[in-house]
């Protein structure tokens, strides 16, 4: 596929995705302006990420630092400055790297990680927007803090000077109805907003369930294949 034809494909996909989000918002009685689309560019080349930015897509998501860091550097070298969202599970030893380019980290799920991100952001002279990833079913293998431990973590992030507590994130657990999962996440959002009234963001919804997420109050949806197409299998 030529560069121009890929760009045209991305433009068409992006327009269709935005229209679909607007339709979901209409069904939910919400304004499309209340939803931030995060185009998840994982496994796709920096050229695709750059094309999306040039097409007006400001927010890009990545979930592996070893892929995201060079991609962010390549776009920065080209004079492009998207808003980078790190949406995957994160180990503490990657905190310094992620804090150098990410504007948002959606997967803060434990105090030691929050502390590492705070220290790294301070070193870089930056501030990071932090979302708490919640394990809605209590199975933390896929990442996330159990619901019962949410409030203490929110307090720890709120107290970190280089982090700004912005809200919550979750993935609907396997076997759960998305509506049930996102209703629980909305209640988790209430808990976090008791710690910081400004922490109003809810990152929820991927390609298969974003309509349910919007209906339940999501403010961010994380969509990959809708915008970029099907991914190649990971090596």
Protein backbone atom coordinates (compact mmCIF):
# COMPACT_ATOMS: atom_id res chain seq x y z
CA UNK A 1 0.00 0.00 0.00
CA UNK A 2 1.35 3.41 -0.92
CA UNK A 3 1.85 6.11 1.66
CA UNK A 4 -1.00 8.17 0.22
CA UNK A 5 -3.44 5.27 0.04
CA UNK A 6 -2.66 4.33 3.66
CA UNK A 7 -3.23 7.94 4.70
CA UNK A 8 -6.56 7.95 2.87
CA UNK A 9 -7.51 4.70 4.60
CA UNK A 10 -6.64 6.13 8.01
CA UNK A 11 -8.62 9.30 7.28
CA UNK A 12 -11.69 7.27 6.28
CA UNK A 13 -11.36 4.98 9.32
CA UNK A 14 -10.94 7.95 11.62
CA UNK A 15 -14.01 9.68 10.21
CA UNK A 16 -16.11 6.51 10.53
CA UNK A 17 -14.92 6.00 14.10
CA UNK A 18 -15.79 9.55 15.08
CA UNK A 19 -19.21 9.18 13.49
CA UNK A 20 -19.79 5.93 15.40
CA UNK A 21 -18.79 7.60 18.67
CA UNK A 22 -21.14 10.49 17.93
CA UNK A 23 -23.97 8.03 17.26
CA UNK A 24 -23.26 6.21 20.53
CA UNK A 25 -23.29 9.54 22.36
CA UNK A 26 -26.61 10.46 20.74
CA UNK A 27 -28.11 7.14 21.87
CA UNK A 28 -26.85 7.83 25.40
CA UNK A 29 -28.10 11.43 25.44
CA UNK A 30 -24.57 12.81 25.57
CA UNK A 31 -22.55 15.29 23.56
CA UNK A 32 -19.76 13.87 21.37
CA UNK A 33 -17.56 16.58 22.88
CA UNK A 34 -17.72 14.69 26.18
CA UNK A 35 -15.69 11.78 24.74
CA UNK A 36 -11.97 11.78 24.04
CA UNK A 37 -10.94 9.26 21.39
CA UNK A 38 -7.58 7.63 22.05
CA UNK A 39 -6.29 5.93 18.92
CA UNK A 40 -4.23 2.97 20.11
CA UNK A 41 -1.31 2.65 17.71
CA UNK A 42 0.42 -0.37 19.28
CA UNK A 43 2.07 -2.68 16.71
CA UNK A 44 1.57 -0.09 13.96
CA UNK A 45 4.49 1.95 12.59
CA UNK A 46 5.39 5.48 13.55
CA UNK A 47 4.35 6.55 10.05
CA UNK A 48 0.74 5.62 10.88
CA UNK A 49 0.90 7.50 14.18
CA UNK A 50 2.32 10.54 12.39
CA UNK A 51 -0.39 10.41 9.74
CA UNK A 52 -3.10 10.33 12.40
CA UNK A 53 -1.66 13.39 14.12
CA UNK A 54 -1.51 15.21 10.78
CA UNK A 55 -5.16 14.24 10.23
CA UNK A 56 -6.11 15.93 13.48
CA UNK A 57 -6.10 12.99 15.89
CA UNK A 58 -4.42 14.48 18.95
CA UNK A 59 -4.52 11.54 21.38
CA UNK A 60 -2.51 8.37 20.75
CA UNK A 61 -2.24 5.31 22.99
CA UNK A 62 0.51 2.73 23.45
CA UNK A 63 0.84 -0.17 25.85
CA UNK A 64 4.50 -1.29 25.63
CA UNK A 65 7.31 1.10 26.48
CA UNK A 66 9.84 -0.64 24.24
CA UNK A 67 7.62 0.21 21.28
CA UNK A 68 6.22 3.51 22.51
CA UNK A 69 9.47 5.27 23.46
CA UNK A 70 11.10 5.14 20.00
CA UNK A 71 7.79 5.92 18.31
CA UNK A 72 7.33 9.02 20.47
CA UNK A 73 10.92 10.06 19.74
CA UNK A 74 10.41 9.63 16.00
CA UNK A 75 7.30 11.80 15.99
CA UNK A 76 8.97 14.43 18.16
CA UNK A 77 11.91 14.54 15.74
CA UNK A 78 9.41 15.21 12.96
CA UNK A 79 7.96 18.13 14.91
CA UNK A 80 4.78 16.28 15.90
CA UNK A 81 3.56 16.45 19.49
CA UNK A 82 0.55 14.22 20.07
CA UNK A 83 -0.85 13.65 23.53
CA UNK A 84 0.61 10.25 24.45
CA UNK A 85 -1.43 7.92 26.64
CA UNK A 86 0.31 4.91 28.15
CA UNK A 87 -2.49 2.36 28.56
CA UNK A 88 -0.72 -0.96 29.28
CA UNK A 89 0.54 -2.67 32.40
CA UNK A 90 3.65 -0.93 33.63
CA UNK A 91 6.62 -2.13 35.64
CA UNK A 92 8.44 0.24 37.95
CA UNK A 93 11.70 -0.11 36.03
CA UNK A 94 9.99 1.44 32.99
CA UNK A 95 8.65 4.45 34.90
CA UNK A 96 11.58 6.74 34.05
CA UNK A 97 11.27 6.02 30.33
CA UNK A 98 7.48 6.39 30.24
CA UNK A 99 7.55 9.62 32.23
CA UNK A 100 9.79 11.17 29.58
CA UNK A 101 7.13 11.11 26.83
CA UNK A 102 3.72 10.11 28.23
CA UNK A 103 1.23 12.80 29.13
CA UNK A 104 -1.23 10.31 30.65
CA UNK A 105 -0.67 6.97 32.37
CA UNK A 106 -3.92 4.99 32.54
CA UNK A 107 -2.55 1.98 34.40
CA UNK A 108 -1.41 3.16 37.83
CA UNK A 109 -2.47 0.31 40.07
CA UNK A 110 -0.18 0.32 43.12
CA UNK A 111 1.56 2.81 45.36
CA UNK A 112 5.16 1.75 44.48
CA UNK A 113 4.43 2.42 40.80
CA UNK A 114 2.88 5.77 41.65
CA UNK A 115 5.98 6.65 43.67
CA UNK A 116 8.28 5.62 40.81
CA UNK A 117 6.31 7.67 38.28
CA UNK A 118 6.29 10.66 40.62
CA UNK A 119 10.06 10.49 41.07
CA UNK A 120 10.62 10.05 37.32
CA UNK A 121 8.31 12.88 36.35
CA UNK A 122 10.05 15.14 38.87
CA UNK A 123 13.44 14.23 37.36
CA UNK A 124 12.15 15.14 33.90
CA UNK A 125 10.55 18.35 35.19
CA UNK A 126 7.15 17.16 34.04
CA UNK A 127 3.72 16.44 35.48
CA UNK A 128 1.86 13.24 34.62
CA UNK A 129 -1.89 12.80 34.49
CA UNK A 130 -2.62 9.56 36.34
CA UNK A 131 -5.59 7.25 36.07
CA UNK A 132 -6.05 4.39 38.49
CA UNK A 133 -6.55 1.06 36.76
CA UNK A 134 -9.20 -0.87 38.65
CA UNK A 135 -9.46 -4.66 38.69
CA UNK A 136 -13.24 -4.91 38.69
CA UNK A 137 -13.29 -8.65 39.44
CA UNK A 138 -10.35 -8.62 41.85
CA UNK A 139 -8.13 -10.68 39.54
CA UNK A 140 -5.02 -8.51 39.37
CA UNK A 141 -3.11 -10.70 36.88
CA UNK A 142 -4.26 -8.41 34.05
CA UNK A 143 -3.40 -5.34 36.11
CA UNK A 144 -5.51 -3.15 38.32
CA UNK A 145 -6.06 -2.41 41.98
CA UNK A 146 -8.89 -4.31 43.71
CA UNK A 147 -11.96 -2.16 44.30
CA UNK A 148 -11.53 -2.41 48.08
CA UNK A 149 -8.04 -0.86 47.86
CA UNK A 150 -8.98 1.96 45.52
CA UNK A 151 -9.32 4.83 47.98
CA UNK A 152 -5.89 4.52 49.67
CA UNK A 153 -4.22 4.45 46.26
CA UNK A 154 -6.18 7.51 45.17
CA UNK A 155 -4.97 9.32 48.28
CA UNK A 156 -1.36 8.34 47.57
CA UNK A 157 -1.54 9.63 43.99
CA UNK A 158 -3.29 12.83 45.05
CA UNK A 159 -0.43 13.49 47.46
CA UNK A 160 2.29 13.00 44.83
CA UNK A 161 3.49 16.45 43.65
CA UNK A 162 4.40 15.42 40.09
CA UNK A 163 1.22 13.42 39.49
CA UNK A 164 -2.29 14.71 38.91
CA UNK A 165 -5.04 12.28 39.86
CA UNK A 166 -7.47 12.38 36.94
CA UNK A 167 -9.79 9.42 37.41
CA UNK A 168 -10.12 5.70 36.75
CA UNK A 169 -9.59 3.13 34.00
CA UNK A 170 -10.68 -0.47 33.57
CA UNK A 171 -11.01 -3.29 31.10
CA UNK A 172 -14.25 -5.27 31.28
CA UNK A 173 -13.36 -8.63 32.89
CA UNK A 174 -13.66 -11.75 30.77
CA UNK A 175 -17.13 -13.23 31.10
CA UNK A 176 -18.74 -10.05 32.41
CA UNK A 177 -21.43 -8.12 30.63
CA UNK A 178 -19.80 -4.80 29.66
CA UNK A 179 -22.74 -2.82 31.06
CA UNK A 180 -22.25 -4.48 34.46
CA UNK A 181 -18.51 -3.84 34.40
CA UNK A 182 -18.78 -0.19 33.46
CA UNK A 183 -21.55 0.46 35.99
CA UNK A 184 -19.15 -0.74 38.69
CA UNK A 185 -16.39 1.45 37.25
CA UNK A 186 -18.74 4.44 37.47
CA UNK A 187 -19.14 3.71 41.19
CA UNK A 188 -15.35 3.51 41.48
CA UNK A 189 -15.20 6.94 39.88
CA UNK A 190 -17.46 8.23 42.64
CA UNK A 191 -15.00 6.88 45.22
CA UNK A 192 -12.02 8.58 43.59
CA UNK A 193 -13.87 11.88 43.26
CA UNK A 194 -14.40 11.85 47.01
CA UNK A 195 -10.61 12.02 47.28
CA UNK A 196 -10.23 14.65 44.54
CA UNK A 197 -13.32 16.26 43.04
CA UNK A 198 -11.38 17.04 39.87
CA UNK A 199 -10.66 13.37 39.11
CA UNK A 200 -13.60 13.03 36.73
CA UNK A 201 -12.09 11.03 33.86
CA UNK A 202 -13.29 7.48 33.14
CA UNK A 203 -11.19 5.57 30.61
CA UNK A 204 -13.29 2.63 29.46
CA UNK A 205 -14.35 0.95 26.29
CA UNK A 206 -12.46 -0.69 23.49
CA UNK A 207 -13.48 -1.80 20.02
CA UNK A 208 -16.06 -4.35 21.17
CA UNK A 209 -17.70 -2.51 24.04
CA UNK A 210 -17.19 1.24 23.69
CA UNK A 211 -20.92 1.86 23.21
CA UNK A 212 -21.65 0.31 26.62
CA UNK A 213 -18.83 2.37 28.11
CA UNK A 214 -20.23 5.62 26.70
CA UNK A 215 -23.67 4.72 28.02
CA UNK A 216 -22.14 4.20 31.48
CA UNK A 217 -20.34 7.56 31.53
CA UNK A 218 -16.91 6.95 30.00
CA UNK A 219 -15.03 10.11 29.05
CA UNK A 220 -12.24 8.31 27.13
CA UNK A 221 -12.48 5.36 24.76
CA UNK A 222 -9.40 3.41 23.66
CA UNK A 223 -9.85 2.23 20.09
CA UNK A 224 -7.29 0.53 17.89
CA UNK A 225 -8.60 -1.57 15.05
CA UNK A 226 -11.51 0.79 14.35
CA UNK A 227 -8.97 3.42 13.32
CA UNK A 228 -5.92 1.44 12.22
CA UNK A 229 -7.33 -1.88 11.03
CA UNK A 230 -6.54 -5.41 12.14
CA UNK A 231 -3.21 -5.98 13.84
CA UNK A 232 -0.62 -8.47 12.73
CA UNK A 233 -0.08 -11.26 15.29
CA UNK A 234 2.58 -10.34 17.83
CA UNK A 235 5.87 -12.19 17.30
